PDB file of N, CA and C in Angstrom:
ATOM      1  N   MET A   1      27.879   7.699  -5.146  1.00  0.00           N
ATOM      2  CA  MET A   1      27.119   6.542  -5.566  1.00  0.00           C
ATOM      3  C   MET A   1      25.754   6.965  -6.097  1.00  0.00           C
ATOM      4  N   ARG A   2      25.128   7.932  -5.450  1.00  0.00           N
ATOM      5  CA  ARG A   2      23.813   8.385  -5.920  1.00  0.00           C
ATOM      6  C   ARG A   2      23.877   8.903  -7.351  1.00  0.00           C
ATOM      7  N   GLU A   3      24.940   9.631  -7.654  1.00  0.00           N
ATOM      8  CA  GLU A   3      25.049  10.234  -8.981  1.00  0.00           C
ATOM      9  C   GLU A   3      25.184   9.183 -10.072  1.00  0.00           C
ATOM     10  N   SER A   4      25.836   8.076  -9.776  1.00  0.00           N
ATOM     11  CA  SER A   4      26.030   7.060 -10.807  1.00  0.00           C
ATOM     12  C   SER A   4      24.898   6.032 -10.845  1.00  0.00           C
ATOM     13  N   LEU A   5      24.223   5.809  -9.722  1.00  0.00           N
ATOM     14  CA  LEU A   5      23.186   4.785  -9.669  1.00  0.00           C
ATOM     15  C   LEU A   5      21.865   5.253 -10.271  1.00  0.00           C
ATOM     16  N   SER A   6      21.527   6.498 -10.053  1.00  0.00           N
ATOM     17  CA  SER A   6      20.240   6.996 -10.524  1.00  0.00           C
ATOM     18  C   SER A   6      20.100   6.921 -12.049  1.00  0.00           C
ATOM     19  N   PRO A   7      21.100   7.329 -12.845  1.00  0.00           N
ATOM     20  CA  PRO A   7      20.937   7.197 -14.302  1.00  0.00           C
ATOM     21  C   PRO A   7      20.834   5.738 -14.762  1.00  0.00           C
ATOM     22  N   VAL A   8      21.543   4.828 -14.090  1.00  0.00           N
ATOM     23  CA  VAL A   8      21.449   3.407 -14.449  1.00  0.00           C
ATOM     24  C   VAL A   8      20.038   2.899 -14.158  1.00  0.00           C
ATOM     25  N   ALA A   9      19.500   3.265 -12.988  1.00  0.00           N
ATOM     26  CA  ALA A   9      18.136   2.848 -12.635  1.00  0.00           C
ATOM     27  C   ALA A   9      17.122   3.443 -13.608  1.00  0.00           C
ATOM     28  N   ASP A  10      17.319   4.697 -13.995  1.00  0.00           N
ATOM     29  CA  ASP A  10      16.406   5.317 -14.960  1.00  0.00           C
ATOM     30  C   ASP A  10      16.459   4.598 -16.311  1.00  0.00           C
ATOM     31  N   SER A  11      17.634   4.161 -16.724  1.00  0.00           N
ATOM     32  CA  SER A  11      17.723   3.441 -17.996  1.00  0.00           C
ATOM     33  C   SER A  11      17.059   2.064 -17.893  1.00  0.00           C
ATOM     34  N   LEU A  12      17.129   1.415 -16.722  1.00  0.00           N
ATOM     35  CA  LEU A  12      16.422   0.143 -16.535  1.00  0.00           C
ATOM     36  C   LEU A  12      14.914   0.334 -16.606  1.00  0.00           C
ATOM     37  N   VAL A  13      14.422   1.412 -16.011  1.00  0.00           N
ATOM     38  CA  VAL A  13      12.981   1.712 -16.079  1.00  0.00           C
ATOM     39  C   VAL A  13      12.576   1.945 -17.533  1.00  0.00           C
ATOM     40  N   ALA A  14      13.385   2.686 -18.269  1.00  0.00           N
ATOM     41  CA  ALA A  14      13.074   2.951 -19.680  1.00  0.00           C
ATOM     42  C   ALA A  14      13.100   1.664 -20.497  1.00  0.00           C
ATOM     43  N   THR A  15      14.066   0.795 -20.226  1.00  0.00           N
ATOM     44  CA  THR A  15      14.133  -0.492 -20.931  1.00  0.00           C
ATOM     45  C   THR A  15      12.882  -1.309 -20.653  1.00  0.00           C
ATOM     46  N   GLN A  16      12.483  -1.353 -19.393  1.00  0.00           N
ATOM     47  CA  GLN A  16      11.303  -2.142 -19.028  1.00  0.00           C
ATOM     48  C   GLN A  16      10.044  -1.595 -19.692  1.00  0.00           C
ATOM     49  N   ARG A  17       9.913  -0.291 -19.750  1.00  0.00           N
ATOM     50  CA  ARG A  17       8.719   0.317 -20.366  1.00  0.00           C
ATOM     51  C   ARG A  17       8.658   0.049 -21.872  1.00  0.00           C
ATOM     52  N   GLY A  18       9.810  -0.168 -22.492  1.00  0.00           N
ATOM     53  CA  GLY A  18       9.841  -0.383 -23.929  1.00  0.00           C
ATOM     54  C   GLY A  18       9.715  -1.837 -24.350  1.00  0.00           C
ATOM     55  N   GLU A  19       9.628  -2.756 -23.398  1.00  0.00           N
ATOM     56  CA  GLU A  19       9.576  -4.177 -23.708  1.00  0.00           C
ATOM     57  C   GLU A  19       8.182  -4.752 -23.457  1.00  0.00           C
ATOM     58  N   GLY A  20       7.913  -5.881 -24.073  1.00  0.00           N
ATOM     59  CA  GLY A  20       6.644  -6.567 -23.853  1.00  0.00           C
ATOM     60  C   GLY A  20       6.583  -7.261 -22.507  1.00  0.00           C
ATOM     61  N   TYR A  21       7.712  -7.787 -22.061  1.00  0.00           N
ATOM     62  CA  TYR A  21       7.805  -8.429 -20.749  1.00  0.00           C
ATOM     63  C   TYR A  21       8.547  -7.494 -19.796  1.00  0.00           C
ATOM     64  N   PRO A  22       8.153  -7.448 -18.544  1.00  0.00           N
ATOM     65  CA  PRO A  22       8.850  -6.571 -17.592  1.00  0.00           C
ATOM     66  C   PRO A  22      10.120  -7.221 -17.054  1.00  0.00           C
ATOM     67  N   ALA A  23      11.015  -7.646 -17.949  1.00  0.00           N
ATOM     68  CA  ALA A  23      12.165  -8.446 -17.540  1.00  0.00           C
ATOM     69  C   ALA A  23      13.416  -7.640 -17.236  1.00  0.00           C
ATOM     70  N   LEU A  24      13.427  -6.348 -17.455  1.00  0.00           N
ATOM     71  CA  LEU A  24      14.601  -5.492 -17.240  1.00  0.00           C
ATOM     72  C   LEU A  24      15.764  -5.848 -18.154  1.00  0.00           C
ATOM     73  N   ILE A  25      15.504  -6.619 -19.212  1.00  0.00           N
ATOM     74  CA  ILE A  25      16.511  -6.986 -20.201  1.00  0.00           C
ATOM     75  C   ILE A  25      15.952  -6.607 -21.566  1.00  0.00           C
ATOM     76  N   SER A  26      16.783  -6.004 -22.389  1.00  0.00           N
ATOM     77  CA  SER A  26      16.342  -5.623 -23.721  1.00  0.00           C
ATOM     78  C   SER A  26      16.063  -6.870 -24.553  1.00  0.00           C
ATOM     79  N   GLY A  27      14.983  -6.826 -25.302  1.00  0.00           N
ATOM     80  CA  GLY A  27      14.621  -7.952 -26.157  1.00  0.00           C
ATOM     81  C   GLY A  27      15.245  -7.864 -27.539  1.00  0.00           C
ATOM     82  N   ALA A  28      16.175  -6.913 -27.744  1.00  0.00           N
ATOM     83  CA  ALA A  28      16.802  -6.772 -29.055  1.00  0.00           C
ATOM     84  C   ALA A  28      17.661  -7.986 -29.402  1.00  0.00           C
ATOM     85  N   THR A  29      18.188  -8.647 -28.379  1.00  0.00           N
ATOM     86  CA  THR A  29      18.968  -9.868 -28.580  1.00  0.00           C
ATOM     87  C   THR A  29      18.327 -10.979 -27.753  1.00  0.00           C
ATOM     88  N   PRO A  30      18.602 -12.233 -28.072  1.00  0.00           N
ATOM     89  CA  PRO A  30      18.028 -13.315 -27.259  1.00  0.00           C
ATOM     90  C   PRO A  30      18.488 -13.210 -25.807  1.00  0.00           C
ATOM     91  N   TYR A  31      17.607 -13.621 -24.920  1.00  0.00           N
ATOM     92  CA  TYR A  31      17.977 -13.602 -23.498  1.00  0.00           C
ATOM     93  C   TYR A  31      19.125 -14.582 -23.266  1.00  0.00           C
ATOM     94  N   PRO A  32      20.138 -14.172 -22.509  1.00  0.00           N
ATOM     95  CA  PRO A  32      21.265 -15.071 -22.264  1.00  0.00           C
ATOM     96  C   PRO A  32      20.876 -16.186 -21.294  1.00  0.00           C
ATOM     97  N   TRP A  33      21.692 -17.223 -21.258  1.00  0.00           N
ATOM     98  CA  TRP A  33      21.478 -18.296 -20.295  1.00  0.00           C
ATOM     99  C   TRP A  33      21.640 -17.709 -18.903  1.00  0.00           C
ATOM    100  N   GLY A  34      20.737 -18.050 -18.004  1.00  0.00           N
ATOM    101  CA  GLY A  34      20.791 -17.506 -16.647  1.00  0.00           C
ATOM    102  C   GLY A  34      20.302 -16.076 -16.578  1.00  0.00           C
ATOM    103  N   SER A  35      19.412 -15.712 -17.488  1.00  0.00           N
ATOM    104  CA  SER A  35      18.973 -14.311 -17.539  1.00  0.00           C
ATOM    105  C   SER A  35      18.203 -13.889 -16.294  1.00  0.00           C
ATOM    106  N   ASN A  36      17.597 -14.840 -15.592  1.00  0.00           N
ATOM    107  CA  ASN A  36      16.895 -14.458 -14.366  1.00  0.00           C
ATOM    108  C   ASN A  36      17.858 -13.925 -13.318  1.00  0.00           C
ATOM    109  N   SER A  37      19.091 -14.387 -13.338  1.00  0.00           N
ATOM    110  CA  SER A  37      20.104 -13.845 -12.437  1.00  0.00           C
ATOM    111  C   SER A  37      20.359 -12.375 -12.752  1.00  0.00           C
ATOM    112  N   ALA A  38      20.433 -12.058 -14.038  1.00  0.00           N
ATOM    113  CA  ALA A  38      20.625 -10.664 -14.443  1.00  0.00           C
ATOM    114  C   ALA A  38      19.435  -9.810 -14.024  1.00  0.00           C
ATOM    115  N   VAL A  39      18.216 -10.370 -14.131  1.00  0.00           N
ATOM    116  CA  VAL A  39      17.014  -9.641 -13.725  1.00  0.00           C
ATOM    117  C   VAL A  39      17.068  -9.352 -12.226  1.00  0.00           C
ATOM    118  N   VAL A  40      17.424 -10.354 -11.432  1.00  0.00           N
ATOM    119  CA  VAL A  40      17.482 -10.157  -9.981  1.00  0.00           C
ATOM    120  C   VAL A  40      18.552  -9.134  -9.616  1.00  0.00           C
ATOM    121  N   ASN A  41      19.709  -9.191 -10.257  1.00  0.00           N
ATOM    122  CA  ASN A  41      20.758  -8.206  -9.975  1.00  0.00           C
ATOM    123  C   ASN A  41      20.295  -6.791 -10.309  1.00  0.00           C
ATOM    124  N   ARG A  42      19.560  -6.654 -11.386  1.00  0.00           N
ATOM    125  CA  ARG A  42      19.040  -5.330 -11.750  1.00  0.00           C
ATOM    126  C   ARG A  42      17.933  -4.891 -10.797  1.00  0.00           C
ATOM    127  N   MET A  43      17.202  -5.854 -10.264  1.00  0.00           N
ATOM    128  CA  MET A  43      16.187  -5.505  -9.256  1.00  0.00           C
ATOM    129  C   MET A  43      16.852  -4.964  -7.989  1.00  0.00           C
ATOM    130  N   VAL A  44      17.990  -5.539  -7.627  1.00  0.00           N
ATOM    131  CA  VAL A  44      18.731  -5.032  -6.467  1.00  0.00           C
ATOM    132  C   VAL A  44      19.165  -3.594  -6.717  1.00  0.00           C
ATOM    133  N   LEU A  45      19.631  -3.302  -7.946  1.00  0.00           N
ATOM    134  CA  LEU A  45      19.997  -1.930  -8.282  1.00  0.00           C
ATOM    135  C   LEU A  45      18.797  -0.994  -8.168  1.00  0.00           C
ATOM    136  N   LEU A  46      17.642  -1.437  -8.665  1.00  0.00           N
ATOM    137  CA  LEU A  46      16.444  -0.597  -8.577  1.00  0.00           C
ATOM    138  C   LEU A  46      16.027  -0.377  -7.124  1.00  0.00           C
ATOM    139  N   GLY A  47      16.115  -1.415  -6.308  1.00  0.00           N
ATOM    140  CA  GLY A  47      15.767  -1.267  -4.899  1.00  0.00           C
ATOM    141  C   GLY A  47      16.694  -0.313  -4.177  1.00  0.00           C
ATOM    142  N   THR A  48      17.974  -0.397  -4.471  1.00  0.00           N
ATOM    143  CA  THR A  48      18.947   0.523  -3.865  1.00  0.00           C
ATOM    144  C   THR A  48      18.707   1.947  -4.353  1.00  0.00           C
ATOM    145  N   ALA A  49      18.406   2.086  -5.644  1.00  0.00           N
ATOM    146  CA  ALA A  49      18.114   3.419  -6.182  1.00  0.00           C
ATOM    147  C   ALA A  49      16.866   4.002  -5.520  1.00  0.00           C
ATOM    148  N   TYR A  50      15.873   3.174  -5.281  1.00  0.00           N
ATOM    149  CA  TYR A  50      14.675   3.681  -4.593  1.00  0.00           C
ATOM    150  C   TYR A  50      15.012   4.114  -3.163  1.00  0.00           C
ATOM    151  N   ASP A  51      15.817   3.317  -2.459  1.00  0.00           N
ATOM    152  CA  ASP A  51      16.197   3.684  -1.096  1.00  0.00           C
ATOM    153  C   ASP A  51      16.929   5.025  -1.051  1.00  0.00           C
ATOM    154  N   LEU A  52      17.743   5.294  -2.069  1.00  0.00           N
ATOM    155  CA  LEU A  52      18.529   6.530  -2.074  1.00  0.00           C
ATOM    156  C   LEU A  52      17.739   7.737  -2.577  1.00  0.00           C
ATOM    157  N   THR A  53      16.871   7.528  -3.572  1.00  0.00           N
ATOM    158  CA  THR A  53      16.208   8.664  -4.216  1.00  0.00           C
ATOM    159  C   THR A  53      14.723   8.789  -3.899  1.00  0.00           C
ATOM    160  N   ARG A  54      14.112   7.721  -3.426  1.00  0.00           N
ATOM    161  CA  ARG A  54      12.662   7.663  -3.180  1.00  0.00           C
ATOM    162  C   ARG A  54      11.847   7.919  -4.448  1.00  0.00           C
ATOM    163  N   ASP A  55      12.417   7.578  -5.588  1.00  0.00           N
ATOM    164  CA  ASP A  55      11.709   7.689  -6.865  1.00  0.00           C
ATOM    165  C   ASP A  55      10.826   6.448  -7.013  1.00  0.00           C
ATOM    166  N   ARG A  56       9.519   6.646  -7.011  1.00  0.00           N
ATOM    167  CA  ARG A  56       8.585   5.516  -7.034  1.00  0.00           C
ATOM    168  C   ARG A  56       8.631   4.758  -8.355  1.00  0.00           C
ATOM    169  N   ALA A  57       9.148   5.368  -9.406  1.00  0.00           N
ATOM    170  CA  ALA A  57       9.287   4.653 -10.687  1.00  0.00           C
ATOM    171  C   ALA A  57      10.260   3.488 -10.525  1.00  0.00           C
ATOM    172  N   HIS A  58      11.291   3.670  -9.716  1.00  0.00           N
ATOM    173  CA  HIS A  58      12.243   2.584  -9.471  1.00  0.00           C
ATOM    174  C   HIS A  58      11.576   1.448  -8.700  1.00  0.00           C
ATOM    175  N   LEU A  59      10.787   1.798  -7.711  1.00  0.00           N
ATOM    176  CA  LEU A  59      10.093   0.779  -6.914  1.00  0.00           C
ATOM    177  C   LEU A  59       9.073   0.019  -7.760  1.00  0.00           C
ATOM    178  N   LYS A  60       8.330   0.751  -8.582  1.00  0.00           N
ATOM    179  CA  LYS A  60       7.325   0.106  -9.430  1.00  0.00           C
ATOM    180  C   LYS A  60       7.983  -0.832 -10.440  1.00  0.00           C
ATOM    181  N   ALA A  61       9.113  -0.409 -11.007  1.00  0.00           N
ATOM    182  CA  ALA A  61       9.830  -1.267 -11.962  1.00  0.00           C
ATOM    183  C   ALA A  61      10.334  -2.521 -11.264  1.00  0.00           C
ATOM    184  N   MET A  62      10.784  -2.395 -10.021  1.00  0.00           N
ATOM    185  CA  MET A  62      11.252  -3.567  -9.282  1.00  0.00           C
ATOM    186  C   MET A  62      10.089  -4.531  -9.023  1.00  0.00           C
ATOM    187  N   HIS A  63       8.927  -4.007  -8.669  1.00  0.00           N
ATOM    188  CA  HIS A  63       7.755  -4.863  -8.437  1.00  0.00           C
ATOM    189  C   HIS A  63       7.321  -5.563  -9.719  1.00  0.00           C
ATOM    190  N   ARG A  64       7.357  -4.855 -10.825  1.00  0.00           N
ATOM    191  CA  ARG A  64       6.984  -5.478 -12.104  1.00  0.00           C
ATOM    192  C   ARG A  64       7.964  -6.575 -12.488  1.00  0.00           C
ATOM    193  N   ALA A  65       9.239  -6.367 -12.196  1.00  0.00           N
ATOM    194  CA  ALA A  65      10.230  -7.407 -12.480  1.00  0.00           C
ATOM    195  C   ALA A  65       9.995  -8.618 -11.586  1.00  0.00           C
ATOM    196  N   MET A  66       9.561  -8.389 -10.359  1.00  0.00           N
ATOM    197  CA  MET A  66       9.237  -9.507  -9.464  1.00  0.00           C
ATOM    198  C   MET A  66       8.044 -10.286 -10.022  1.00  0.00           C
ATOM    199  N   ASP A  67       7.079  -9.579 -10.577  1.00  0.00           N
ATOM    200  CA  ASP A  67       5.956 -10.265 -11.225  1.00  0.00           C
ATOM    201  C   ASP A  67       6.440 -11.104 -12.401  1.00  0.00           C
ATOM    202  N   TYR A  68       7.436 -10.617 -13.131  1.00  0.00           N
ATOM    203  CA  TYR A  68       7.997 -11.378 -14.246  1.00  0.00           C
ATOM    204  C   TYR A  68       8.624 -12.682 -13.740  1.00  0.00           C
ATOM    205  N   LEU A  69       9.356 -12.597 -12.634  1.00  0.00           N
ATOM    206  CA  LEU A  69      10.039 -13.777 -12.112  1.00  0.00           C
ATOM    207  C   LEU A  69       9.094 -14.790 -11.490  1.00  0.00           C
ATOM    208  N   LEU A  70       8.186 -14.321 -10.662  1.00  0.00           N
ATOM    209  CA  LEU A  70       7.349 -15.228  -9.859  1.00  0.00           C
ATOM    210  C   LEU A  70       5.907 -15.329 -10.330  1.00  0.00           C
ATOM    211  N   GLY A  71       5.520 -14.473 -11.239  1.00  0.00           N
ATOM    212  CA  GLY A  71       4.125 -14.443 -11.664  1.00  0.00           C
ATOM    213  C   GLY A  71       3.371 -13.443 -10.814  1.00  0.00           C
ATOM    214  N   PRO A  72       2.404 -12.763 -11.397  1.00  0.00           N
ATOM    215  CA  PRO A  72       1.652 -11.779 -10.620  1.00  0.00           C
ATOM    216  C   PRO A  72       0.782 -12.448  -9.569  1.00  0.00           C
ATOM    217  N   SER A  73       0.569 -11.756  -8.500  1.00  0.00           N
ATOM    218  CA  SER A  73      -0.314 -12.266  -7.457  1.00  0.00           C
ATOM    219  C   SER A  73      -1.756 -12.167  -7.929  1.00  0.00           C
ATOM    220  N   PRO A  74      -2.571 -13.151  -7.615  1.00  0.00           N
ATOM    221  CA  PRO A  74      -3.982 -13.055  -7.999  1.00  0.00           C
ATOM    222  C   PRO A  74      -4.659 -11.964  -7.196  1.00  0.00           C
ATOM    223  N   PRO A  75      -5.726 -11.410  -7.732  1.00  0.00           N
ATOM    224  CA  PRO A  75      -6.448 -10.396  -6.961  1.00  0.00           C
ATOM    225  C   PRO A  75      -7.018 -11.020  -5.696  1.00  0.00           C
ATOM    226  N   PRO A  76      -7.212 -10.216  -4.670  1.00  0.00           N
ATOM    227  CA  PRO A  76      -7.760 -10.783  -3.434  1.00  0.00           C
ATOM    228  C   PRO A  76      -9.155 -11.346  -3.652  1.00  0.00           C
ATOM    229  N   ALA A  77      -9.431 -12.448  -2.987  1.00  0.00           N
ATOM    230  CA  ALA A  77     -10.738 -13.091  -3.120  1.00  0.00           C
ATOM    231  C   ALA A  77     -11.791 -12.275  -2.384  1.00  0.00           C
ATOM    232  N   ALA A  78     -12.976 -12.308  -2.905  1.00  0.00           N
ATOM    233  CA  ALA A  78     -14.084 -11.619  -2.249  1.00  0.00           C
ATOM    234  C   ALA A  78     -14.440 -12.372  -0.969  1.00  0.00           C
ATOM    235  N   PRO A  79     -14.812 -11.652   0.067  1.00  0.00           N
ATOM    236  CA  PRO A  79     -15.190 -12.360   1.301  1.00  0.00           C
ATOM    237  C   PRO A  79     -16.457 -13.168   1.078  1.00  0.00           C
ATOM    238  N   PRO A  80     -16.616 -14.261   1.800  1.00  0.00           N
ATOM    239  CA  PRO A  80     -17.831 -15.060   1.619  1.00  0.00           C
ATOM    240  C   PRO A  80     -19.052 -14.263   2.060  1.00  0.00           C
ATOM    241  N   PRO A  81     -20.186 -14.523   1.433  1.00  0.00           N
ATOM    242  CA  PRO A  81     -21.387 -13.774   1.816  1.00  0.00           C
ATOM    243  C   PRO A  81     -21.787 -14.107   3.246  1.00  0.00           C
ATOM    244  N   SER A  82     -22.312 -13.106   3.914  1.00  0.00           N
ATOM    245  CA  SER A  82     -22.741 -13.340   5.295  1.00  0.00           C
ATOM    246  C   SER A  82     -24.056 -14.109   5.278  1.00  0.00           C
ATOM    247  N   PRO A  83     -24.241 -15.004   6.225  1.00  0.00           N
ATOM    248  CA  PRO A  83     -25.488 -15.774   6.242  1.00  0.00           C
ATOM    249  C   PRO A  83     -26.668 -14.876   6.578  1.00  0.00           C
ATOM    250  N   THR A  84     -27.747 -15.084   5.860  1.00  0.00           N
ATOM    251  CA  THR A  84     -28.955 -14.314   6.135  1.00  0.00           C
ATOM    252  C   THR A  84     -29.988 -15.249   6.733  1.00  0.00           C
ATOM    253  N   PRO A  85     -30.711 -14.777   7.697  1.00  0.00           N
ATOM    254  CA  PRO A  85     -31.729 -15.654   8.276  1.00  0.00           C
ATOM    255  C   PRO A  85     -32.836 -15.901   7.266  1.00  0.00           C
ATOM    256  N   GLY A  86     -32.992 -17.110   6.871  1.00  0.00           N
ATOM    257  CA  GLY A  86     -34.024 -17.493   5.923  1.00  0.00           C
ATOM    258  C   GLY A  86     -34.688 -18.761   6.405  1.00  0.00           C
ATOM    259  N   PRO A  87     -35.530 -19.377   5.575  1.00  0.00           N
ATOM    260  CA  PRO A  87     -36.240 -20.577   6.003  1.00  0.00           C
ATOM    261  C   PRO A  87     -35.307 -21.700   6.451  1.00  0.00           C
ATOM    262  N   ALA A  88     -34.227 -21.919   5.727  1.00  0.00           N
ATOM    263  CA  ALA A  88     -33.331 -23.010   6.096  1.00  0.00           C
ATOM    264  C   ALA A  88     -32.686 -22.741   7.451  1.00  0.00           C
ATOM    265  N   ARG A  89     -32.342 -21.512   7.712  1.00  0.00           N
ATOM    266  CA  ARG A  89     -31.723 -21.184   8.997  1.00  0.00           C
ATOM    267  C   ARG A  89     -32.735 -21.311  10.132  1.00  0.00           C
ATOM    268  N   ARG A  90     -33.980 -20.907   9.878  1.00  0.00           N
ATOM    269  CA  ARG A  90     -35.008 -21.048  10.923  1.00  0.00           C
ATOM    270  C   ARG A  90     -35.237 -22.518  11.236  1.00  0.00           C
ATOM    271  N   GLN A  91     -35.238 -23.362  10.200  1.00  0.00           N
ATOM    272  CA  GLN A  91     -35.432 -24.787  10.433  1.00  0.00           C
ATOM    273  C   GLN A  91     -34.290 -25.366  11.244  1.00  0.00           C
ATOM    274  N   ALA A  92     -33.084 -24.914  10.963  1.00  0.00           N
ATOM    275  CA  ALA A  92     -31.932 -25.425  11.699  1.00  0.00           C
ATOM    276  C   ALA A  92     -32.011 -25.052  13.174  1.00  0.00           C
ATOM    277  N   ARG A  93     -32.610 -23.916  13.488  1.00  0.00           N
ATOM    278  CA  ARG A  93     -32.723 -23.491  14.883  1.00  0.00           C
ATOM    279  C   ARG A  93     -33.968 -24.071  15.547  1.00  0.00           C
ATOM    280  N   GLY A  94     -34.856 -24.731  14.789  1.00  0.00           N
ATOM    281  CA  GLY A  94     -36.070 -25.308  15.349  1.00  0.00           C
ATOM    282  C   GLY A  94     -37.117 -24.266  15.690  1.00  0.00           C
ATOM    283  N   VAL A  95     -37.150 -23.185  14.958  1.00  0.00           N
ATOM    284  CA  VAL A  95     -38.121 -22.120  15.216  1.00  0.00           C
ATOM    285  C   VAL A  95     -39.499 -22.603  14.805  1.00  0.00           C
ATOM    286  N   ARG A  96     -40.445 -22.298  15.639  1.00  0.00           N
ATOM    287  CA  ARG A  96     -41.827 -22.656  15.315  1.00  0.00           C
ATOM    288  C   ARG A  96     -42.463 -21.485  14.584  1.00  0.00           C
ATOM    289  N   ARG A  97     -43.349 -21.799  13.654  1.00  0.00           N
ATOM    290  CA  ARG A  97     -44.041 -20.756  12.914  1.00  0.00           C
ATOM    291  C   ARG A  97     -45.504 -21.119  12.765  1.00  0.00           C
ATOM    292  N   ARG A  98     -46.294 -20.159  12.449  1.00  0.00           N
ATOM    293  CA  ARG A  98     -47.729 -20.379  12.284  1.00  0.00           C
ATOM    294  C   ARG A  98     -48.021 -20.850  10.870  1.00  0.00           C
ATOM    295  N   THR A  99     -48.971 -21.758  10.751  1.00  0.00           N
ATOM    296  CA  THR A  99     -49.394 -22.192   9.417  1.00  0.00           C
ATOM    297  C   THR A  99     -50.374 -21.163   8.898  1.00  0.00           C
ATOM    298  N   PRO A 100     -50.335 -20.872   7.629  1.00  0.00           N
ATOM    299  CA  PRO A 100     -51.216 -19.837   7.098  1.00  0.00           C
ATOM    300  C   PRO A 100     -52.688 -20.232   7.100  1.00  0.00           C
ATOM    301  N   SER A 101     -53.013 -21.516   6.986  1.00  0.00           N
ATOM    302  CA  SER A 101     -54.418 -21.889   6.838  1.00  0.00           C
ATOM    303  C   SER A 101     -55.158 -21.952   8.166  1.00  0.00           C
ATOM    304  N   THR A 102     -54.560 -22.505   9.193  1.00  0.00           N
ATOM    305  CA  THR A 102     -55.306 -22.717  10.432  1.00  0.00           C
ATOM    306  C   THR A 102     -54.889 -21.793  11.556  1.00  0.00           C
ATOM    307  N   GLY A 103     -53.718 -21.206  11.453  1.00  0.00           N
ATOM    308  CA  GLY A 103     -53.259 -20.345  12.526  1.00  0.00           C
ATOM    309  C   GLY A 103     -52.706 -21.124  13.711  1.00  0.00           C
ATOM    310  N   THR A 104     -52.628 -22.435  13.602  1.00  0.00           N
ATOM    311  CA  THR A 104     -52.073 -23.221  14.705  1.00  0.00           C
ATOM    312  C   THR A 104     -50.558 -23.250  14.583  1.00  0.00           C
ATOM    313  N   ARG A 105     -49.895 -23.508  15.698  1.00  0.00           N
ATOM    314  CA  ARG A 105     -48.438 -23.573  15.690  1.00  0.00           C
ATOM    315  C   ARG A 105     -47.990 -24.983  15.342  1.00  0.00           C
ATOM    316  N   ARG A 106     -46.911 -25.064  14.628  1.00  0.00           N
ATOM    317  CA  ARG A 106     -46.309 -26.349  14.322  1.00  0.00           C
ATOM    318  C   ARG A 106     -44.810 -26.156  14.221  1.00  0.00           C
ATOM    319  N   SER A 107     -44.076 -27.218  14.328  1.00  0.00           N
ATOM    320  CA  SER A 107     -42.632 -27.169  14.168  1.00  0.00           C
ATOM    321  C   SER A 107     -42.336 -26.962  12.699  1.00  0.00           C
ATOM    322  N   SER A 108     -41.285 -26.242  12.396  1.00  0.00           N
ATOM    323  CA  SER A 108     -40.990 -25.929  11.001  1.00  0.00           C
ATOM    324  C   SER A 108     -40.644 -27.175  10.188  1.00  0.00           C
ATOM    325  N   GLY A 109     -40.269 -28.258  10.831  1.00  0.00           N
ATOM    326  CA  GLY A 109     -39.919 -29.463  10.097  1.00  0.00           C
ATOM    327  C   GLY A 109     -41.096 -30.402   9.891  1.00  0.00           C
ATOM    328  N   SER A 110     -42.236 -30.180  10.541  1.00  0.00           N
ATOM    329  CA  SER A 110     -43.367 -31.106  10.425  1.00  0.00           C
ATOM    330  C   SER A 110     -44.326 -30.643   9.348  1.00  0.00           C
ATOM    331  N   ARG A 111     -45.164 -31.579   8.918  1.00  0.00           N
ATOM    332  CA  ARG A 111     -46.167 -31.257   7.910  1.00  0.00           C
ATOM    333  C   ARG A 111     -47.463 -30.871   8.606  1.00  0.00           C
ATOM    334  N   PRO A 112     -48.211 -29.980   8.005  1.00  0.00           N
ATOM    335  CA  PRO A 112     -49.494 -29.619   8.609  1.00  0.00           C
ATOM    336  C   PRO A 112     -50.473 -30.782   8.534  1.00  0.00           C
ATOM    337  N   THR A 113     -51.291 -30.885   9.528  1.00  0.00           N
ATOM    338  CA  THR A 113     -52.332 -31.916   9.494  1.00  0.00           C
ATOM    339  C   THR A 113     -53.551 -31.336   8.821  1.00  0.00           C
ATOM    340  N   SER A 114     -54.287 -32.177   8.145  1.00  0.00           N
ATOM    341  CA  SER A 114     -55.464 -31.714   7.445  1.00  0.00           C
ATOM    342  C   SER A 114     -56.693 -32.395   8.046  1.00  0.00           C
ATOM    343  N   SER A 115     -57.785 -31.653   8.079  1.00  0.00           N
ATOM    344  CA  SER A 115     -59.024 -32.247   8.584  1.00  0.00           C
ATOM    345  C   SER A 115     -59.800 -32.896   7.461  1.00  0.00           C
ATOM    346  N   ARG A 116     -59.338 -32.789   6.239  1.00  0.00           N
ATOM    347  CA  ARG A 116     -60.022 -33.410   5.099  1.00  0.00           C
ATOM    348  C   ARG A 116     -59.686 -34.883   5.046  1.00  0.00           C
ATOM    349  N   PRO A 117     -60.613 -35.707   4.522  1.00  0.00           N
ATOM    350  CA  PRO A 117     -60.331 -37.132   4.365  1.00  0.00           C
ATOM    351  C   PRO A 117     -59.325 -37.341   3.241  1.00  0.00           C
ATOM    352  N   PRO A 118     -58.527 -38.396   3.284  1.00  0.00           N
ATOM    353  CA  PRO A 118     -57.541 -38.638   2.217  1.00  0.00           C
ATOM    354  C   PRO A 118     -58.232 -38.883   0.873  1.00  0.00           C
ATOM    355  N   ARG A 119     -57.587 -38.540  -0.190  1.00  0.00           N
ATOM    356  CA  ARG A 119     -58.129 -38.733  -1.538  1.00  0.00           C
ATOM    357  C   ARG A 119     -57.947 -40.184  -1.942  1.00  0.00           C
ATOM    358  N   THR A 120     -58.886 -40.680  -2.729  1.00  0.00           N
ATOM    359  CA  THR A 120     -58.787 -42.058  -3.207  1.00  0.00           C
ATOM    360  C   THR A 120     -58.765 -42.134  -4.683  1.00  0.00           C
TER     361      THR A 120
END
């Protein structure tokens, strides 16, 4: 079985490399009705050939054919940025801070009091 399967798998890899779509079917003629069935059957052959020979070209061709059938997987999303302690985070925790003008303590959510009279 190994002797007959490996050349068939190699020809499927060559067919896939020569086509615009990784469909494992030659584009020289129109795709037949139910062509996805033919693609899946050829993927089974490639998977079996990989199990017997450990040729990574067979495995890669099978993965590319799976992308043809189901669509490629999107790249992994970037992890969300880690929160950094900033003014908004300090306010949420109720941290008290010093006012720059008077040096007195106040709550981060309150407004500083002024000793000046209001403007008119």
